[in-house]
Amino acid sequence: MKTNSTFKTRSCFALIFILALSLNLKGQTTHNVSVTSNVFTPSQLTITVGDKVVWKNDEGSHNVNGKQATFPNNPSSFGNEVGAAWTYEYVFNTAGTYNYQCDPHAGMGMVGKVIVNPKTVTSSQTMADVTEKIRLYPNPASEYIELIVPSNYKTINSVKIYSIAGSVVDEKTFSENKETFRYDISLFRNGIYLIEVNAENQKNVLKFIKQ
């Protein structure tokens, strides 16, 4: 019986994961940047939160460096190592302006910019619908994730993090209301995880990527 229960639980979360992933990808646009002749083409993009940018290096030894160590005002870090014949992609989940460069050729003007606009609220949504949801930041993340809980959730009962296979990776319970929760995920393996927030007898499931 325990085996069947475990199987059903994992199957349930696998289904939730597929649904969450499909909802996340719905409406996502992919933008391509060519990396050749010491230039990014186009050098500037304007995209929407949730869109993906794919850089493809077909000529020379280059990299994409949008890390906050180089550009402190970037909302989050992204980038890859210097090399030849590579493809690098990144999903921008936070609105703002991101600057980046090719480290070996920045002095030659090999720089770029990505402007990420917030998603437009549709006519069927109100601003309250958007702002009153539990939010997760940053995503993707490498060191930690932080949950921002809106004030309308008076009681947060528990929080669980599941692997894609459905096993519990971390679990916490709370006896008092909290507005933010921070998890150290630095020791997690890279991959996709689900976080379940139990609030006032309602389950909220969000997806995040550890990279």
N, C-alpha and C. Protein backbone atom coordinates (compact mmCIF):
# COMPACT_ATOMS: atom_id res chain seq x y z
N MET A 1 0.82 -1.20 0.00
CA MET A 1 0.00 0.00 0.00
C MET A 1 0.86 1.26 0.00
N LYS A 2 1.96 1.22 0.77
CA LYS A 2 2.85 2.38 0.83
C LYS A 2 3.48 2.65 -0.53
N THR A 3 3.84 1.55 -1.24
CA THR A 3 4.44 1.71 -2.57
C THR A 3 3.45 2.35 -3.52
N ASN A 4 2.19 1.90 -3.49
CA ASN A 4 1.17 2.47 -4.37
C ASN A 4 0.94 3.93 -4.04
N SER A 5 0.94 4.26 -2.74
CA SER A 5 0.74 5.65 -2.33
C SER A 5 1.87 6.54 -2.82
N THR A 6 3.11 6.04 -2.69
CA THR A 6 4.27 6.80 -3.17
C THR A 6 4.21 7.00 -4.67
N PHE A 7 3.81 5.94 -5.39
CA PHE A 7 3.71 6.03 -6.84
C PHE A 7 2.67 7.06 -7.25
N LYS A 8 1.52 7.05 -6.55
CA LYS A 8 0.45 8.00 -6.87
C LYS A 8 0.91 9.43 -6.60
N THR A 9 1.63 9.62 -5.48
CA THR A 9 2.12 10.96 -5.13
C THR A 9 3.08 11.48 -6.19
N ARG A 10 4.01 10.61 -6.60
CA ARG A 10 4.99 11.04 -7.60
C ARG A 10 4.32 11.28 -8.95
N SER A 11 3.35 10.44 -9.29
CA SER A 11 2.63 10.62 -10.55
C SER A 11 1.87 11.94 -10.54
N CYS A 12 1.29 12.26 -9.38
CA CYS A 12 0.54 13.51 -9.25
C CYS A 12 1.44 14.71 -9.47
N PHE A 13 2.64 14.68 -8.85
CA PHE A 13 3.53 15.82 -9.00
C PHE A 13 4.17 15.87 -10.38
N ALA A 14 4.33 14.72 -11.01
CA ALA A 14 4.81 14.73 -12.39
C ALA A 14 3.79 15.42 -13.29
N LEU A 15 2.50 15.15 -13.03
CA LEU A 15 1.44 15.79 -13.81
C LEU A 15 1.41 17.29 -13.54
N ILE A 16 1.56 17.67 -12.26
CA ILE A 16 1.58 19.09 -11.91
C ILE A 16 2.75 19.78 -12.59
N PHE A 17 3.90 19.09 -12.61
CA PHE A 17 5.09 19.66 -13.26
C PHE A 17 4.85 19.91 -14.74
N ILE A 18 4.24 18.93 -15.41
CA ILE A 18 3.97 19.08 -16.85
C ILE A 18 3.03 20.24 -17.10
N LEU A 19 1.99 20.35 -16.26
CA LEU A 19 1.04 21.45 -16.41
C LEU A 19 1.71 22.79 -16.14
N ALA A 20 2.53 22.84 -15.09
CA ALA A 20 3.22 24.09 -14.76
C ALA A 20 4.17 24.49 -15.87
N LEU A 21 4.87 23.52 -16.42
CA LEU A 21 5.82 23.81 -17.49
C LEU A 21 5.10 24.29 -18.73
N SER A 22 3.97 23.65 -19.06
CA SER A 22 3.24 24.05 -20.26
C SER A 22 2.66 25.44 -20.10
N LEU A 23 2.20 25.78 -18.89
CA LEU A 23 1.68 27.12 -18.66
C LEU A 23 2.78 28.15 -18.72
N ASN A 24 3.96 27.78 -18.22
CA ASN A 24 5.08 28.71 -18.23
C ASN A 24 5.56 28.99 -19.65
N LEU A 25 5.52 27.95 -20.51
CA LEU A 25 6.02 28.11 -21.86
C LEU A 25 4.99 28.74 -22.79
N LYS A 26 3.71 28.71 -22.39
CA LYS A 26 2.67 29.26 -23.23
C LYS A 26 2.90 30.75 -23.42
N GLY A 27 3.00 31.17 -24.65
CA GLY A 27 3.22 32.57 -24.92
C GLY A 27 4.67 32.98 -24.87
N GLN A 28 5.58 32.06 -24.57
CA GLN A 28 7.00 32.38 -24.53
C GLN A 28 7.52 32.57 -25.94
N THR A 29 8.32 33.61 -26.13
CA THR A 29 8.93 33.89 -27.42
C THR A 29 10.43 33.69 -27.32
N THR A 30 11.01 33.08 -28.35
CA THR A 30 12.46 32.88 -28.41
C THR A 30 13.07 33.93 -29.33
N HIS A 31 14.11 34.60 -28.84
CA HIS A 31 14.81 35.63 -29.61
C HIS A 31 16.23 35.14 -29.86
N ASN A 32 16.69 35.24 -31.09
CA ASN A 32 18.00 34.74 -31.47
C ASN A 32 19.00 35.87 -31.67
N VAL A 33 20.21 35.65 -31.15
CA VAL A 33 21.30 36.61 -31.32
C VAL A 33 22.47 35.89 -31.96
N SER A 34 22.96 36.42 -33.07
CA SER A 34 24.11 35.84 -33.76
C SER A 34 25.40 36.43 -33.19
N VAL A 35 26.38 35.56 -32.95
CA VAL A 35 27.66 35.99 -32.40
C VAL A 35 28.74 35.73 -33.46
N THR A 36 29.11 36.77 -34.19
CA THR A 36 30.12 36.64 -35.25
C THR A 36 30.88 37.94 -35.40
N SER A 37 32.11 37.85 -35.89
CA SER A 37 32.92 39.03 -36.25
C SER A 37 32.96 40.08 -35.14
N ASN A 38 33.11 39.61 -33.91
CA ASN A 38 33.23 40.51 -32.76
C ASN A 38 32.04 41.43 -32.57
N VAL A 39 30.83 40.91 -32.88
CA VAL A 39 29.63 41.71 -32.70
C VAL A 39 28.45 40.80 -32.37
N PHE A 40 27.54 41.30 -31.54
CA PHE A 40 26.27 40.63 -31.28
C PHE A 40 25.23 41.22 -32.22
N THR A 41 24.51 40.36 -32.94
CA THR A 41 23.50 40.83 -33.88
C THR A 41 22.16 40.15 -33.62
N PRO A 42 21.13 40.92 -33.20
CA PRO A 42 21.16 42.35 -32.89
C PRO A 42 21.84 42.60 -31.54
N SER A 43 22.35 43.80 -31.38
CA SER A 43 23.05 44.13 -30.14
C SER A 43 22.09 44.54 -29.03
N GLN A 44 20.85 44.85 -29.39
CA GLN A 44 19.85 45.21 -28.38
C GLN A 44 18.53 44.53 -28.70
N LEU A 45 17.92 43.98 -27.66
CA LEU A 45 16.62 43.32 -27.78
C LEU A 45 15.65 43.91 -26.77
N THR A 46 14.39 43.98 -27.15
CA THR A 46 13.32 44.33 -26.21
C THR A 46 12.36 43.15 -26.18
N ILE A 47 12.24 42.52 -25.01
CA ILE A 47 11.46 41.30 -24.88
C ILE A 47 10.49 41.42 -23.71
N THR A 48 9.79 40.33 -23.42
CA THR A 48 8.82 40.30 -22.32
C THR A 48 9.25 39.27 -21.30
N VAL A 49 8.91 39.51 -20.04
CA VAL A 49 9.22 38.56 -18.97
C VAL A 49 8.78 37.15 -19.37
N GLY A 50 9.68 36.18 -19.20
CA GLY A 50 9.39 34.80 -19.58
C GLY A 50 9.93 34.42 -20.94
N ASP A 51 10.38 35.41 -21.73
CA ASP A 51 10.94 35.11 -23.04
C ASP A 51 12.35 34.54 -22.92
N LYS A 52 12.74 33.81 -23.95
CA LYS A 52 14.07 33.19 -23.99
C LYS A 52 14.93 33.87 -25.05
N VAL A 53 16.20 34.08 -24.72
CA VAL A 53 17.17 34.58 -25.68
C VAL A 53 18.21 33.49 -25.93
N VAL A 54 18.48 33.22 -27.20
CA VAL A 54 19.45 32.20 -27.59
C VAL A 54 20.58 32.87 -28.36
N TRP A 55 21.80 32.77 -27.82
CA TRP A 55 22.99 33.27 -28.49
C TRP A 55 23.68 32.10 -29.19
N LYS A 56 24.04 32.27 -30.45
CA LYS A 56 24.74 31.22 -31.19
C LYS A 56 26.04 31.78 -31.75
N ASN A 57 27.15 31.18 -31.31
CA ASN A 57 28.47 31.62 -31.76
C ASN A 57 28.93 30.75 -32.92
N ASP A 58 29.03 31.35 -34.09
CA ASP A 58 29.46 30.62 -35.29
C ASP A 58 30.85 31.01 -35.75
N GLU A 59 31.46 31.98 -35.06
CA GLU A 59 32.75 32.47 -35.56
C GLU A 59 33.57 33.05 -34.42
N GLY A 60 34.77 32.52 -34.22
CA GLY A 60 35.68 33.07 -33.23
C GLY A 60 35.44 32.53 -31.83
N SER A 61 36.24 33.04 -30.90
CA SER A 61 36.15 32.64 -29.50
C SER A 61 35.55 33.78 -28.69
N HIS A 62 34.35 33.57 -28.19
CA HIS A 62 33.60 34.62 -27.51
C HIS A 62 32.88 34.06 -26.28
N ASN A 63 32.20 34.94 -25.57
CA ASN A 63 31.31 34.52 -24.50
C ASN A 63 30.24 35.57 -24.30
N VAL A 64 29.27 35.24 -23.47
CA VAL A 64 28.24 36.18 -23.03
C VAL A 64 28.43 36.38 -21.54
N ASN A 65 28.72 37.59 -21.13
CA ASN A 65 28.91 37.88 -19.71
C ASN A 65 27.93 38.97 -19.28
N GLY A 66 26.86 38.53 -18.63
CA GLY A 66 25.88 39.46 -18.07
C GLY A 66 25.81 39.33 -16.56
N LYS A 67 26.91 38.92 -15.96
CA LYS A 67 26.92 38.65 -14.52
C LYS A 67 26.92 39.96 -13.72
N GLN A 68 26.30 39.89 -12.55
CA GLN A 68 26.20 41.08 -11.71
C GLN A 68 27.56 41.54 -11.20
N ALA A 69 28.54 40.65 -11.19
CA ALA A 69 29.89 41.06 -10.80
C ALA A 69 30.45 42.08 -11.78
N THR A 70 30.04 41.97 -13.05
CA THR A 70 30.48 42.90 -14.08
C THR A 70 29.49 44.04 -14.26
N PHE A 71 28.19 43.71 -14.18
CA PHE A 71 27.12 44.71 -14.34
C PHE A 71 26.23 44.66 -13.09
N PRO A 72 26.58 45.38 -12.04
CA PRO A 72 25.86 45.29 -10.76
C PRO A 72 24.38 45.66 -10.85
N ASN A 73 24.00 46.45 -11.85
CA ASN A 73 22.61 46.88 -11.96
C ASN A 73 21.73 45.87 -12.69
N ASN A 74 22.31 44.80 -13.21
CA ASN A 74 21.49 43.77 -13.84
C ASN A 74 20.59 43.12 -12.78
N PRO A 75 19.32 42.90 -13.08
CA PRO A 75 18.42 42.26 -12.10
C PRO A 75 18.85 40.86 -11.70
N SER A 76 19.53 40.14 -12.59
CA SER A 76 20.06 38.81 -12.27
C SER A 76 21.25 38.54 -13.17
N SER A 77 22.01 37.50 -12.81
CA SER A 77 23.22 37.16 -13.57
C SER A 77 22.94 36.11 -14.63
N PHE A 78 23.66 36.20 -15.72
CA PHE A 78 23.59 35.17 -16.76
C PHE A 78 24.91 35.21 -17.53
N GLY A 79 25.18 34.15 -18.27
CA GLY A 79 26.39 34.14 -19.08
C GLY A 79 27.03 32.78 -19.17
N ASN A 80 28.05 32.67 -20.01
CA ASN A 80 28.76 31.41 -20.21
C ASN A 80 30.26 31.67 -20.28
N GLU A 81 31.01 30.60 -20.52
CA GLU A 81 32.46 30.71 -20.57
C GLU A 81 32.93 31.02 -22.00
N VAL A 82 34.14 31.56 -22.10
CA VAL A 82 34.73 31.87 -23.40
C VAL A 82 35.00 30.57 -24.15
N GLY A 83 34.63 30.53 -25.42
CA GLY A 83 34.85 29.35 -26.23
C GLY A 83 34.39 29.57 -27.65
N ALA A 84 34.51 28.53 -28.46
CA ALA A 84 34.12 28.60 -29.87
C ALA A 84 32.97 27.64 -30.14
N ALA A 85 32.17 27.98 -31.15
CA ALA A 85 31.10 27.11 -31.65
C ALA A 85 30.17 26.64 -30.54
N TRP A 86 29.54 27.59 -29.85
CA TRP A 86 28.63 27.24 -28.77
C TRP A 86 27.26 27.88 -28.98
N THR A 87 26.29 27.35 -28.26
CA THR A 87 24.95 27.94 -28.19
C THR A 87 24.60 28.10 -26.71
N TYR A 88 24.17 29.29 -26.34
CA TYR A 88 23.81 29.57 -24.95
C TYR A 88 22.43 30.20 -24.92
N GLU A 89 21.60 29.77 -23.98
CA GLU A 89 20.25 30.33 -23.87
C GLU A 89 19.94 30.69 -22.42
N TYR A 90 19.07 31.68 -22.27
CA TYR A 90 18.69 32.14 -20.94
C TYR A 90 17.27 32.67 -20.99
N VAL A 91 16.47 32.29 -19.99
CA VAL A 91 15.09 32.77 -19.87
C VAL A 91 15.08 33.93 -18.88
N PHE A 92 14.57 35.08 -19.30
CA PHE A 92 14.54 36.27 -18.46
C PHE A 92 13.20 36.33 -17.73
N ASN A 93 13.25 36.08 -16.42
CA ASN A 93 12.03 36.02 -15.62
C ASN A 93 11.81 37.26 -14.75
N THR A 94 12.71 38.23 -14.85
CA THR A 94 12.57 39.45 -14.07
C THR A 94 12.69 40.66 -14.99
N ALA A 95 11.74 41.58 -14.88
CA ALA A 95 11.76 42.77 -15.73
C ALA A 95 12.95 43.66 -15.37
N GLY A 96 13.43 44.40 -16.37
CA GLY A 96 14.54 45.32 -16.14
C GLY A 96 15.45 45.38 -17.35
N THR A 97 16.55 46.11 -17.20
CA THR A 97 17.53 46.26 -18.27
C THR A 97 18.78 45.46 -17.93
N TYR A 98 19.20 44.62 -18.87
CA TYR A 98 20.36 43.75 -18.69
C TYR A 98 21.43 44.13 -19.70
N ASN A 99 22.60 44.46 -19.21
CA ASN A 99 23.75 44.69 -20.09
C ASN A 99 24.65 43.46 -20.08
N TYR A 100 25.33 43.23 -21.18
CA TYR A 100 26.26 42.11 -21.24
C TYR A 100 27.38 42.43 -22.22
N GLN A 101 28.42 41.61 -22.20
CA GLN A 101 29.56 41.83 -23.08
C GLN A 101 30.25 40.52 -23.39
N CYS A 102 31.10 40.56 -24.41
CA CYS A 102 32.05 39.49 -24.66
C CYS A 102 33.35 39.92 -23.99
N ASP A 103 33.80 39.16 -23.02
CA ASP A 103 34.96 39.59 -22.24
C ASP A 103 36.22 39.85 -23.08
N PRO A 104 36.58 38.96 -24.01
CA PRO A 104 37.81 39.22 -24.77
C PRO A 104 37.72 40.42 -25.71
N HIS A 105 36.49 40.82 -26.09
CA HIS A 105 36.36 41.86 -27.12
C HIS A 105 35.49 43.03 -26.67
N ALA A 106 35.30 43.18 -25.36
CA ALA A 106 34.49 44.30 -24.87
C ALA A 106 35.11 45.63 -25.24
N GLY A 107 36.45 45.69 -25.22
CA GLY A 107 37.14 46.92 -25.58
C GLY A 107 36.97 47.30 -27.03
N MET A 108 36.54 46.33 -27.85
CA MET A 108 36.30 46.58 -29.27
C MET A 108 34.82 46.88 -29.54
N GLY A 109 34.06 47.02 -28.46
CA GLY A 109 32.65 47.38 -28.61
C GLY A 109 31.71 46.20 -28.73
N MET A 110 32.18 44.99 -28.36
CA MET A 110 31.31 43.82 -28.44
C MET A 110 30.48 43.73 -27.17
N VAL A 111 29.40 44.51 -27.16
CA VAL A 111 28.51 44.58 -26.01
C VAL A 111 27.07 44.46 -26.49
N GLY A 112 26.18 44.15 -25.55
CA GLY A 112 24.78 44.01 -25.90
C GLY A 112 23.88 44.42 -24.75
N LYS A 113 22.60 44.50 -25.05
CA LYS A 113 21.62 44.90 -24.04
C LYS A 113 20.31 44.18 -24.30
N VAL A 114 19.67 43.74 -23.20
CA VAL A 114 18.34 43.13 -23.28
C VAL A 114 17.42 43.92 -22.35
N ILE A 115 16.36 44.48 -22.91
CA ILE A 115 15.36 45.21 -22.13
C ILE A 115 14.16 44.29 -21.95
N VAL A 116 13.85 43.96 -20.71
CA VAL A 116 12.78 43.01 -20.41
C VAL A 116 11.59 43.77 -19.83
N ASN A 117 10.49 43.77 -20.57
CA ASN A 117 9.28 44.44 -20.11
C ASN A 117 8.38 43.48 -19.34
N PRO A 118 7.61 43.98 -18.36
CA PRO A 118 6.67 43.12 -17.63
C PRO A 118 5.61 42.58 -18.58
N LYS A 119 5.01 41.45 -18.20
CA LYS A 119 3.92 40.92 -19.00
C LYS A 119 2.72 41.85 -18.91
N THR A 120 2.03 41.97 -20.02
CA THR A 120 0.84 42.82 -20.05
C THR A 120 -0.32 42.11 -19.38
N VAL A 121 -1.03 42.82 -18.53
CA VAL A 121 -2.21 42.26 -17.88
C VAL A 121 -3.35 42.21 -18.89
N THR A 122 -3.93 41.04 -19.09
CA THR A 122 -5.01 40.90 -20.06
C THR A 122 -6.29 41.50 -19.52
N SER A 123 -7.26 41.69 -20.41
CA SER A 123 -8.53 42.30 -20.02
C SER A 123 -9.30 41.45 -19.03
N SER A 124 -9.01 40.14 -18.99
CA SER A 124 -9.73 39.25 -18.08
C SER A 124 -9.10 39.22 -16.69
N GLN A 125 -7.98 39.94 -16.53
CA GLN A 125 -7.30 39.99 -15.25
C GLN A 125 -7.37 41.40 -14.68
N THR A 126 -7.34 41.51 -13.39
CA THR A 126 -7.16 42.80 -12.74
C THR A 126 -5.76 42.85 -12.19
N MET A 127 -5.27 44.04 -11.89
CA MET A 127 -3.93 44.15 -11.34
C MET A 127 -3.84 43.42 -10.01
N ALA A 128 -4.94 43.39 -9.25
CA ALA A 128 -4.94 42.68 -7.97
C ALA A 128 -4.70 41.20 -8.18
N ASP A 129 -5.25 40.63 -9.29
CA ASP A 129 -5.05 39.21 -9.57
C ASP A 129 -3.57 38.91 -9.72
N VAL A 130 -2.83 39.83 -10.32
CA VAL A 130 -1.41 39.60 -10.58
C VAL A 130 -0.58 39.82 -9.33
N THR A 131 -0.85 40.94 -8.62
CA THR A 131 0.01 41.30 -7.50
C THR A 131 -0.27 40.47 -6.26
N GLU A 132 -1.44 39.84 -6.15
CA GLU A 132 -1.77 39.11 -4.94
C GLU A 132 -1.36 37.65 -5.00
N LYS A 133 -0.64 37.25 -6.02
CA LYS A 133 -0.17 35.88 -6.10
C LYS A 133 1.17 35.73 -5.39
N ILE A 134 1.43 34.53 -4.90
CA ILE A 134 2.73 34.23 -4.31
C ILE A 134 3.77 34.28 -5.41
N ARG A 135 4.87 34.97 -5.16
CA ARG A 135 5.92 35.12 -6.17
C ARG A 135 7.21 34.46 -5.70
N LEU A 136 8.02 34.05 -6.65
CA LEU A 136 9.29 33.39 -6.37
C LEU A 136 10.39 34.13 -7.11
N TYR A 137 11.49 34.39 -6.42
CA TYR A 137 12.59 35.17 -7.00
C TYR A 137 13.91 34.74 -6.37
N PRO A 138 15.03 34.69 -7.11
CA PRO A 138 15.13 34.76 -8.56
C PRO A 138 14.81 33.41 -9.19
N ASN A 139 14.56 33.40 -10.46
CA ASN A 139 14.25 32.16 -11.16
C ASN A 139 14.63 32.31 -12.63
N PRO A 140 15.65 31.58 -13.09
CA PRO A 140 16.45 30.55 -12.44
C PRO A 140 17.30 31.12 -11.29
N ALA A 141 17.75 30.22 -10.42
CA ALA A 141 18.54 30.62 -9.27
C ALA A 141 19.70 29.65 -9.08
N SER A 142 20.74 30.12 -8.39
CA SER A 142 21.89 29.25 -8.14
C SER A 142 22.22 29.14 -6.66
N GLU A 143 21.99 30.21 -5.89
CA GLU A 143 22.35 30.20 -4.47
C GLU A 143 21.14 30.08 -3.55
N TYR A 144 20.07 30.79 -3.87
CA TYR A 144 18.89 30.78 -3.00
C TYR A 144 17.65 31.14 -3.82
N ILE A 145 16.49 30.81 -3.26
CA ILE A 145 15.22 31.30 -3.79
C ILE A 145 14.48 31.98 -2.65
N GLU A 146 13.69 32.95 -3.00
CA GLU A 146 12.93 33.69 -2.00
C GLU A 146 11.47 33.75 -2.42
N LEU A 147 10.58 33.36 -1.51
CA LEU A 147 9.15 33.45 -1.75
C LEU A 147 8.64 34.76 -1.16
N ILE A 148 7.88 35.49 -1.95
CA ILE A 148 7.25 36.72 -1.48
C ILE A 148 5.75 36.44 -1.36
N VAL A 149 5.25 36.51 -0.14
CA VAL A 149 3.87 36.12 0.14
C VAL A 149 3.01 37.37 0.30
N PRO A 150 1.93 37.51 -0.47
CA PRO A 150 1.07 38.69 -0.35
C PRO A 150 0.33 38.73 0.98
N SER A 151 -0.11 39.91 1.35
CA SER A 151 -0.72 40.11 2.66
C SER A 151 -2.05 39.39 2.83
N ASN A 152 -2.70 39.03 1.71
CA ASN A 152 -4.01 38.38 1.84
C ASN A 152 -3.89 36.93 2.34
N TYR A 153 -2.65 36.38 2.36
CA TYR A 153 -2.44 35.06 2.94
C TYR A 153 -2.11 35.24 4.42
N LYS A 154 -3.11 35.07 5.27
CA LYS A 154 -2.91 35.32 6.69
C LYS A 154 -2.15 34.20 7.38
N THR A 155 -2.26 32.99 6.85
CA THR A 155 -1.61 31.84 7.49
C THR A 155 -0.91 30.99 6.45
N ILE A 156 0.38 30.78 6.61
CA ILE A 156 1.14 29.85 5.79
C ILE A 156 1.42 28.63 6.65
N ASN A 157 0.87 27.48 6.26
CA ASN A 157 1.01 26.28 7.08
C ASN A 157 2.34 25.58 6.87
N SER A 158 2.70 25.35 5.62
CA SER A 158 3.93 24.62 5.34
C SER A 158 4.40 24.89 3.92
N VAL A 159 5.67 24.61 3.70
CA VAL A 159 6.28 24.75 2.38
C VAL A 159 7.10 23.50 2.11
N LYS A 160 6.93 22.92 0.93
CA LYS A 160 7.69 21.73 0.53
C LYS A 160 8.32 21.97 -0.83
N ILE A 161 9.53 21.45 -0.99
CA ILE A 161 10.20 21.48 -2.29
C ILE A 161 10.34 20.05 -2.78
N TYR A 162 9.91 19.82 -4.02
CA TYR A 162 9.94 18.49 -4.62
C TYR A 162 10.90 18.48 -5.81
N SER A 163 11.56 17.36 -5.99
CA SER A 163 12.33 17.15 -7.21
C SER A 163 11.37 16.82 -8.34
N ILE A 164 11.89 16.79 -9.56
CA ILE A 164 11.04 16.46 -10.70
C ILE A 164 10.49 15.04 -10.59
N ALA A 165 11.20 14.18 -9.84
CA ALA A 165 10.75 12.80 -9.66
C ALA A 165 9.65 12.68 -8.62
N GLY A 166 9.37 13.77 -7.89
CA GLY A 166 8.30 13.75 -6.91
C GLY A 166 8.74 13.51 -5.49
N SER A 167 10.04 13.40 -5.24
CA SER A 167 10.52 13.18 -3.87
C SER A 167 10.69 14.52 -3.16
N VAL A 168 10.45 14.53 -1.85
CA VAL A 168 10.56 15.75 -1.05
C VAL A 168 12.04 16.07 -0.82
N VAL A 169 12.46 17.26 -1.23
CA VAL A 169 13.84 17.69 -1.06
C VAL A 169 14.00 18.51 0.21
N ASP A 170 12.99 19.32 0.52
CA ASP A 170 13.03 20.14 1.73
C ASP A 170 11.60 20.41 2.18
N GLU A 171 11.42 20.60 3.48
CA GLU A 171 10.08 20.83 4.03
C GLU A 171 10.19 21.68 5.28
N LYS A 172 9.31 22.68 5.38
CA LYS A 172 9.28 23.54 6.56
C LYS A 172 7.83 23.79 6.95
N THR A 173 7.59 23.91 8.25
CA THR A 173 6.27 24.28 8.76
C THR A 173 6.40 25.56 9.56
N PHE A 174 5.30 26.32 9.63
CA PHE A 174 5.34 27.62 10.28
C PHE A 174 4.15 27.76 11.24
N SER A 175 4.40 28.40 12.35
CA SER A 175 3.35 28.65 13.33
C SER A 175 2.89 30.10 13.32
N GLU A 176 3.57 30.94 12.53
CA GLU A 176 3.19 32.34 12.44
C GLU A 176 3.32 32.81 11.00
N ASN A 177 2.62 33.88 10.69
CA ASN A 177 2.63 34.39 9.33
C ASN A 177 3.98 35.03 8.99
N LYS A 178 4.45 34.77 7.78
CA LYS A 178 5.69 35.37 7.31
C LYS A 178 5.45 35.96 5.93
N GLU A 179 6.12 37.06 5.65
CA GLU A 179 5.96 37.72 4.36
C GLU A 179 6.96 37.22 3.33
N THR A 180 8.11 36.74 3.80
CA THR A 180 9.12 36.22 2.88
C THR A 180 9.72 34.94 3.45
N PHE A 181 10.12 34.06 2.56
CA PHE A 181 10.81 32.83 2.93
C PHE A 181 12.03 32.71 2.03
N ARG A 182 13.18 32.46 2.62
CA ARG A 182 14.39 32.28 1.82
C ARG A 182 14.96 30.89 2.05
N TYR A 183 15.26 30.21 0.93
CA TYR A 183 15.85 28.87 0.98
C TYR A 183 17.24 28.90 0.38
N ASP A 184 18.15 28.25 1.05
CA ASP A 184 19.48 28.05 0.49
C ASP A 184 19.43 26.81 -0.40
N ILE A 185 19.62 27.01 -1.71
CA ILE A 185 19.57 25.88 -2.65
C ILE A 185 20.94 25.63 -3.29
N SER A 186 21.98 26.19 -2.69
CA SER A 186 23.32 26.09 -3.28
C SER A 186 23.80 24.65 -3.41
N LEU A 187 23.29 23.76 -2.53
CA LEU A 187 23.72 22.36 -2.57
C LEU A 187 22.78 21.49 -3.41
N PHE A 188 21.71 22.07 -3.93
CA PHE A 188 20.80 21.31 -4.79
C PHE A 188 21.50 20.99 -6.11
N ARG A 189 21.14 19.86 -6.69
CA ARG A 189 21.63 19.56 -8.04
C ARG A 189 20.92 20.45 -9.05
N ASN A 190 21.60 20.78 -10.14
CA ASN A 190 20.98 21.57 -11.18
C ASN A 190 19.78 20.82 -11.76
N GLY A 191 18.71 21.54 -11.99
CA GLY A 191 17.52 20.91 -12.54
C GLY A 191 16.27 21.70 -12.23
N ILE A 192 15.12 21.08 -12.45
CA ILE A 192 13.83 21.73 -12.26
C ILE A 192 13.18 21.18 -10.99
N TYR A 193 12.62 22.08 -10.19
CA TYR A 193 11.99 21.72 -8.93
C TYR A 193 10.60 22.35 -8.84
N LEU A 194 9.77 21.75 -8.00
CA LEU A 194 8.46 22.31 -7.69
C LEU A 194 8.44 22.68 -6.22
N ILE A 195 7.85 23.83 -5.91
CA ILE A 195 7.70 24.23 -4.51
C ILE A 195 6.21 24.38 -4.23
N GLU A 196 5.76 23.69 -3.20
CA GLU A 196 4.35 23.68 -2.83
C GLU A 196 4.16 24.51 -1.56
N VAL A 197 3.31 25.52 -1.64
CA VAL A 197 3.02 26.38 -0.50
C VAL A 197 1.59 26.09 -0.05
N ASN A 198 1.45 25.60 1.18
CA ASN A 198 0.13 25.34 1.75
C ASN A 198 -0.29 26.54 2.58
N ALA A 199 -1.31 27.24 2.11
CA ALA A 199 -1.76 28.46 2.77
C ALA A 199 -3.27 28.44 2.91
N GLU A 200 -3.74 28.47 4.15
CA GLU A 200 -5.17 28.53 4.44
C GLU A 200 -5.94 27.47 3.66
N ASN A 201 -5.43 26.23 3.77
CA ASN A 201 -6.07 25.06 3.16
C ASN A 201 -6.06 25.09 1.63
N GLN A 202 -5.20 25.92 1.05
CA GLN A 202 -5.03 25.95 -0.39
C GLN A 202 -3.58 25.65 -0.74
N LYS A 203 -3.39 24.87 -1.81
CA LYS A 203 -2.05 24.53 -2.25
C LYS A 203 -1.68 25.37 -3.47
N ASN A 204 -0.53 26.01 -3.39
CA ASN A 204 0.00 26.80 -4.50
C ASN A 204 1.31 26.15 -4.94
N VAL A 205 1.40 25.76 -6.19
CA VAL A 205 2.59 25.09 -6.71
C VAL A 205 3.29 25.99 -7.72
N LEU A 206 4.58 26.24 -7.48
CA LEU A 206 5.38 27.04 -8.38
C LEU A 206 6.58 26.22 -8.84
N LYS A 207 7.11 26.57 -9.98
CA LYS A 207 8.27 25.88 -10.55
C LYS A 207 9.47 26.80 -10.51
N PHE A 208 10.66 26.24 -10.19
CA PHE A 208 11.88 27.02 -10.32
C PHE A 208 13.00 26.14 -10.85
N ILE A 209 14.01 26.80 -11.38
CA ILE A 209 15.15 26.11 -12.00
C ILE A 209 16.40 26.41 -11.20
N LYS A 210 17.11 25.36 -10.80
CA LYS A 210 18.42 25.51 -10.15
C LYS A 210 19.48 25.35 -11.23
N GLN A 211 20.36 26.36 -11.35
CA GLN A 211 21.40 26.28 -12.37
C GLN A 211 22.75 26.66 -11.78
